[in-house]
Amino acid sequence: MMLIESLLELCRQSGVKLRTAESCTAGGVAAAIASVSGASDVLDRGWITYSNQAKMDELGVSENDLQHDGAVSQTVVEAMALGGSGDHIVCVALSGIAGPSGGSKEKPVGTVWIAVAYGSNDVQSHCYHFKGERSDVQQQAVKQALEDCWSMCSKQGKKWSVHEDA
């Protein structure tokens, strides 16, 4: 079974909805999920929050975090994921530098932070360094975000099952 189908099935069995909060992938994760027939019973919504203002307005990211750590940071991507998650809702968030411009010594082109949150306080995040052209970085980020989302849902699956039975 392919990754997306497996993710959707896991969410269906657990009664969990998916949301995306994307910057550098500009909706690529939501599009990948929606490309599978029947995804509408799991995919709830997605945000493309390319600008800092959108991150603040739509997901509740603090201006202080954006100014202090920058949009491509653990703090901001975790706030994006938590801002989009909720009860029985997993949100995967991405913010990165797809290139070819915009990179720095500290955050080179290909740097992408991905966070996955469930509920109001369970969040996991990782920083990745992808290689290639802009579209390559975006495609790798989408694939990694789906894998990270599956990992979180798989980890949470037993807890959800116990919660559903209680």
C-alpha atoms as a PDB file:
ATOM      1  CA  MET A   1       0.000   0.000   0.000  1.00  0.00           C
ATOM      2  CA  MET A   2       1.359   3.406  -0.895  1.00  0.00           C
ATOM      3  CA  LEU A   3       2.228   5.926   1.787  1.00  0.00           C
ATOM      4  CA  ILE A   4      -0.734   8.255   1.243  1.00  0.00           C
ATOM      5  CA  GLU A   5      -3.264   5.427   1.095  1.00  0.00           C
ATOM      6  CA  SER A   6      -1.772   3.978   4.269  1.00  0.00           C
ATOM      7  CA  LEU A   7      -1.940   7.373   5.990  1.00  0.00           C
ATOM      8  CA  LEU A   8      -5.558   7.887   4.949  1.00  0.00           C
ATOM      9  CA  GLU A   9      -6.565   4.424   6.131  1.00  0.00           C
ATOM     10  CA  LEU A  10      -4.852   4.920   9.484  1.00  0.00           C
ATOM     11  CA  CYS A  11      -6.690   8.225   9.946  1.00  0.00           C
ATOM     12  CA  ARG A  12     -10.025   6.695   8.914  1.00  0.00           C
ATOM     13  CA  GLN A  13      -9.642   3.853  11.405  1.00  0.00           C
ATOM     14  CA  SER A  14      -8.778   6.339  14.150  1.00  0.00           C
ATOM     15  CA  GLY A  15     -11.377   8.975  13.292  1.00  0.00           C
ATOM     16  CA  VAL A  16      -8.681  11.577  12.736  1.00  0.00           C
ATOM     17  CA  LYS A  17      -8.747  14.411  10.180  1.00  0.00           C
ATOM     18  CA  LEU A  18      -5.693  15.884   8.431  1.00  0.00           C
ATOM     19  CA  ARG A  19      -4.791  19.519   7.858  1.00  0.00           C
ATOM     20  CA  THR A  20      -1.784  21.112   6.219  1.00  0.00           C
ATOM     21  CA  ALA A  21      -0.066  24.441   6.861  1.00  0.00           C
ATOM     22  CA  GLU A  22       2.404  25.049   4.072  1.00  0.00           C
ATOM     23  CA  SER A  23       4.836  27.741   3.098  1.00  0.00           C
ATOM     24  CA  CYS A  24       7.649  26.579   0.789  1.00  0.00           C
ATOM     25  CA  THR A  25       5.580  23.758  -0.731  1.00  0.00           C
ATOM     26  CA  ALA A  26       2.647  26.078  -1.502  1.00  0.00           C
ATOM     27  CA  GLY A  27      -0.040  23.431  -1.081  1.00  0.00           C
ATOM     28  CA  GLY A  28       1.936  20.478  -2.417  1.00  0.00           C
ATOM     29  CA  VAL A  29       1.231  18.253   0.589  1.00  0.00           C
ATOM     30  CA  ALA A  30      -2.514  18.892   0.466  1.00  0.00           C
ATOM     31  CA  ALA A  31      -2.498  18.324  -3.304  1.00  0.00           C
ATOM     32  CA  ALA A  32      -0.653  15.014  -2.881  1.00  0.00           C
ATOM     33  CA  ILE A  33      -3.186  13.820  -0.305  1.00  0.00           C
ATOM     34  CA  ALA A  34      -6.127  15.030  -2.411  1.00  0.00           C
ATOM     35  CA  SER A  35      -4.779  13.169  -5.444  1.00  0.00           C
ATOM     36  CA  VAL A  36      -6.017   9.935  -3.851  1.00  0.00           C
ATOM     37  CA  SER A  37      -9.654   9.094  -4.459  1.00  0.00           C
ATOM     38  CA  GLY A  38     -11.684   9.247  -1.252  1.00  0.00           C
ATOM     39  CA  ALA A  39      -9.294  11.569   0.565  1.00  0.00           C
ATOM     40  CA  SER A  40     -12.128  13.984   1.287  1.00  0.00           C
ATOM     41  CA  ASP A  41     -13.241  11.965   4.307  1.00  0.00           C
ATOM     42  CA  VAL A  42      -9.845  12.609   5.956  1.00  0.00           C
ATOM     43  CA  LEU A  43      -8.380  15.799   4.453  1.00  0.00           C
ATOM     44  CA  ASP A  44     -10.110  18.651   6.251  1.00  0.00           C
ATOM     45  CA  ARG A  45      -8.311  21.755   4.945  1.00  0.00           C
ATOM     46  CA  GLY A  46      -5.006  23.331   4.144  1.00  0.00           C
ATOM     47  CA  TRP A  47      -3.434  26.729   4.476  1.00  0.00           C
ATOM     48  CA  ILE A  48      -0.816  28.222   2.183  1.00  0.00           C
ATOM     49  CA  THR A  49       0.852  30.695   4.501  1.00  0.00           C
ATOM     50  CA  TYR A  50       3.645  31.974   2.313  1.00  0.00           C
ATOM     51  CA  SER A  51       3.922  35.365   4.002  1.00  0.00           C
ATOM     52  CA  ASN A  52       4.718  36.039   7.653  1.00  0.00           C
ATOM     53  CA  GLN A  53       1.447  37.947   7.920  1.00  0.00           C
ATOM     54  CA  ALA A  54      -0.497  34.887   6.762  1.00  0.00           C
ATOM     55  CA  LYS A  55       1.288  32.747   9.358  1.00  0.00           C
ATOM     56  CA  MET A  56       0.187  35.210  12.054  1.00  0.00           C
ATOM     57  CA  ASP A  57      -3.367  35.749  10.749  1.00  0.00           C
ATOM     58  CA  GLU A  58      -4.274  32.178   9.859  1.00  0.00           C
ATOM     59  CA  LEU A  59      -2.289  30.051  12.322  1.00  0.00           C
ATOM     60  CA  GLY A  60      -1.596  32.321  15.280  1.00  0.00           C
ATOM     61  CA  VAL A  61       2.193  32.400  14.880  1.00  0.00           C
ATOM     62  CA  SER A  62       3.565  35.205  17.028  1.00  0.00           C
ATOM     63  CA  GLU A  63       5.258  38.176  15.431  1.00  0.00           C
ATOM     64  CA  ASN A  64       7.962  37.914  18.093  1.00  0.00           C
ATOM     65  CA  ASP A  65       8.803  34.328  17.053  1.00  0.00           C
ATOM     66  CA  LEU A  66       8.960  35.340  13.404  1.00  0.00           C
ATOM     67  CA  GLN A  67      11.240  38.294  14.153  1.00  0.00           C
ATOM     68  CA  HIS A  68      13.447  36.451  16.630  1.00  0.00           C
ATOM     69  CA  ASP A  69      13.808  33.040  14.930  1.00  0.00           C
ATOM     70  CA  GLY A  70      12.681  33.691  11.355  1.00  0.00           C
ATOM     71  CA  ALA A  71       9.999  31.931   9.348  1.00  0.00           C
ATOM     72  CA  VAL A  72      12.270  28.946   8.692  1.00  0.00           C
ATOM     73  CA  SER A  73      12.696  27.767  12.270  1.00  0.00           C
ATOM     74  CA  GLN A  74      11.586  25.110  14.695  1.00  0.00           C
ATOM     75  CA  THR A  75       9.666  27.641  16.777  1.00  0.00           C
ATOM     76  CA  VAL A  76       7.638  28.933  13.848  1.00  0.00           C
ATOM     77  CA  VAL A  77       6.919  25.593  12.175  1.00  0.00           C
ATOM     78  CA  GLU A  78       5.775  24.104  15.479  1.00  0.00           C
ATOM     79  CA  ALA A  79       3.507  27.106  16.048  1.00  0.00           C
ATOM     80  CA  MET A  80       2.099  26.627  12.539  1.00  0.00           C
ATOM     81  CA  ALA A  81       1.361  22.945  13.185  1.00  0.00           C
ATOM     82  CA  LEU A  82      -0.163  23.609  16.600  1.00  0.00           C
ATOM     83  CA  GLY A  83      -2.192  26.492  15.162  1.00  0.00           C
ATOM     84  CA  GLY A  84      -3.745  24.143  12.629  1.00  0.00           C
ATOM     85  CA  SER A  85      -4.306  21.103  14.830  1.00  0.00           C
ATOM     86  CA  GLY A  86      -7.101  20.375  17.269  1.00  0.00           C
ATOM     87  CA  ASP A  87      -9.216  17.605  18.773  1.00  0.00           C
ATOM     88  CA  HIS A  88      -8.876  14.536  16.532  1.00  0.00           C
ATOM     89  CA  ILE A  89      -6.951  16.670  14.020  1.00  0.00           C
ATOM     90  CA  VAL A  90      -3.365  16.220  12.859  1.00  0.00           C
ATOM     91  CA  CYS A  91      -1.695  19.166  11.156  1.00  0.00           C
ATOM     92  CA  VAL A  92       1.555  18.931   9.218  1.00  0.00           C
ATOM     93  CA  ALA A  93       3.398  22.225   8.699  1.00  0.00           C
ATOM     94  CA  LEU A  94       6.359  23.145   6.518  1.00  0.00           C
ATOM     95  CA  SER A  95       8.515  26.227   6.180  1.00  0.00           C
ATOM     96  CA  GLY A  96      11.725  26.339   4.245  1.00  0.00           C
ATOM     97  CA  ILE A  97      13.962  27.793   1.587  1.00  0.00           C
ATOM     98  CA  ALA A  98      13.327  26.110  -1.756  1.00  0.00           C
ATOM     99  CA  GLY A  99      15.718  28.382  -3.645  1.00  0.00           C
ATOM    100  CA  PRO A 100      17.436  29.232  -5.776  1.00  0.00           C
ATOM    101  CA  SER A 101      17.673  32.451  -3.773  1.00  0.00           C
ATOM    102  CA  GLY A 102      16.901  33.253  -0.157  1.00  0.00           C
ATOM    103  CA  GLY A 103      19.475  31.061   1.520  1.00  0.00           C
ATOM    104  CA  SER A 104      22.162  32.125   3.984  1.00  0.00           C
ATOM    105  CA  LYS A 105      25.114  30.516   5.713  1.00  0.00           C
ATOM    106  CA  GLU A 106      22.914  29.653   8.704  1.00  0.00           C
ATOM    107  CA  LYS A 107      19.933  28.568   6.588  1.00  0.00           C
ATOM    108  CA  PRO A 108      21.124  27.455   3.148  1.00  0.00           C
ATOM    109  CA  VAL A 109      18.830  26.743   0.214  1.00  0.00           C
ATOM    110  CA  GLY A 110      17.218  23.368   0.812  1.00  0.00           C
ATOM    111  CA  THR A 111      16.659  23.928   4.549  1.00  0.00           C
ATOM    112  CA  VAL A 112      13.110  22.874   5.431  1.00  0.00           C
ATOM    113  CA  TRP A 113      11.539  22.572   8.874  1.00  0.00           C
ATOM    114  CA  ILE A 114       8.623  20.142   9.128  1.00  0.00           C
ATOM    115  CA  ALA A 115       6.378  19.767  12.174  1.00  0.00           C
ATOM    116  CA  VAL A 116       3.418  17.493  12.829  1.00  0.00           C
ATOM    117  CA  ALA A 117       1.009  18.268  15.660  1.00  0.00           C
ATOM    118  CA  TYR A 118      -1.903  16.425  17.178  1.00  0.00           C
ATOM    119  CA  GLY A 119      -4.141  18.295  19.577  1.00  0.00           C
ATOM    120  CA  SER A 120      -2.914  21.279  21.510  1.00  0.00           C
ATOM    121  CA  ASN A 121       0.439  20.103  22.828  1.00  0.00           C
ATOM    122  CA  ASP A 122       1.772  17.019  21.010  1.00  0.00           C
ATOM    123  CA  VAL A 123       4.191  18.185  18.313  1.00  0.00           C
ATOM    124  CA  GLN A 124       7.260  16.706  16.636  1.00  0.00           C
ATOM    125  CA  SER A 125       9.577  18.640  14.352  1.00  0.00           C
ATOM    126  CA  HIS A 126      12.712  18.063  12.323  1.00  0.00           C
ATOM    127  CA  CYS A 127      15.012  20.141  10.168  1.00  0.00           C
ATOM    128  CA  TYR A 128      15.934  18.694   6.774  1.00  0.00           C
ATOM    129  CA  HIS A 129      18.477  19.750   4.173  1.00  0.00           C
ATOM    130  CA  PHE A 130      17.332  18.806   0.688  1.00  0.00           C
ATOM    131  CA  LYS A 131      19.392  19.088  -2.496  1.00  0.00           C
ATOM    132  CA  GLY A 132      18.570  20.104  -6.037  1.00  0.00           C
ATOM    133  CA  GLU A 133      16.602  22.709  -7.895  1.00  0.00           C
ATOM    134  CA  ARG A 134      13.572  24.484  -6.404  1.00  0.00           C
ATOM    135  CA  SER A 135      11.103  21.858  -7.616  1.00  0.00           C
ATOM    136  CA  ASP A 136      13.360  19.068  -6.310  1.00  0.00           C
ATOM    137  CA  VAL A 137      13.464  20.650  -2.848  1.00  0.00           C
ATOM    138  CA  GLN A 138       9.687  21.068  -2.873  1.00  0.00           C
ATOM    139  CA  GLN A 139       9.058  17.476  -3.993  1.00  0.00           C
ATOM    140  CA  GLN A 140      11.430  16.073  -1.374  1.00  0.00           C
ATOM    141  CA  ALA A 141       9.789  18.229   1.299  1.00  0.00           C
ATOM    142  CA  VAL A 142       6.308  17.001   0.333  1.00  0.00           C
ATOM    143  CA  LYS A 143       7.430  13.370   0.489  1.00  0.00           C
ATOM    144  CA  GLN A 144       9.154  13.885   3.844  1.00  0.00           C
ATOM    145  CA  ALA A 145       6.143  15.721   5.275  1.00  0.00           C
ATOM    146  CA  LEU A 146       3.896  12.795   4.331  1.00  0.00           C
ATOM    147  CA  GLU A 147       6.341  10.360   5.933  1.00  0.00           C
ATOM    148  CA  ASP A 148       6.539  12.473   9.099  1.00  0.00           C
ATOM    149  CA  CYS A 149       2.749  12.732   9.211  1.00  0.00           C
ATOM    150  CA  TRP A 150       2.428   8.958   8.829  1.00  0.00           C
ATOM    151  CA  SER A 151       5.003   8.469  11.585  1.00  0.00           C
ATOM    152  CA  MET A 152       3.068  10.711  14.001  1.00  0.00           C
ATOM    153  CA  CYS A 153      -0.252   9.078  13.133  1.00  0.00           C
ATOM    154  CA  SER A 154       1.238   5.611  13.467  1.00  0.00           C
ATOM    155  CA  LYS A 155       2.746   6.487  16.844  1.00  0.00           C
ATOM    156  CA  GLN A 156      -0.522   7.980  18.023  1.00  0.00           C
ATOM    157  CA  GLY A 157      -2.655   5.185  16.535  1.00  0.00           C
ATOM    158  CA  LYS A 158      -2.610   3.003  19.637  1.00  0.00           C
ATOM    159  CA  LYS A 159      -3.428   5.968  21.877  1.00  0.00           C
ATOM    160  CA  TRP A 160      -6.323   6.899  19.606  1.00  0.00           C
ATOM    161  CA  SER A 161      -7.648   3.337  19.656  1.00  0.00           C
ATOM    162  CA  VAL A 162      -7.511   3.248  23.443  1.00  0.00           C
ATOM    163  CA  HIS A 163      -9.206   6.661  23.612  1.00  0.00           C
ATOM    164  CA  GLU A 164     -11.946   5.577  21.207  1.00  0.00           C
ATOM    165  CA  ASP A 165     -12.647   2.422  23.252  1.00  0.00           C
ATOM    166  CA  ALA A 166     -12.798   4.295  26.567  1.00  0.00           C
END
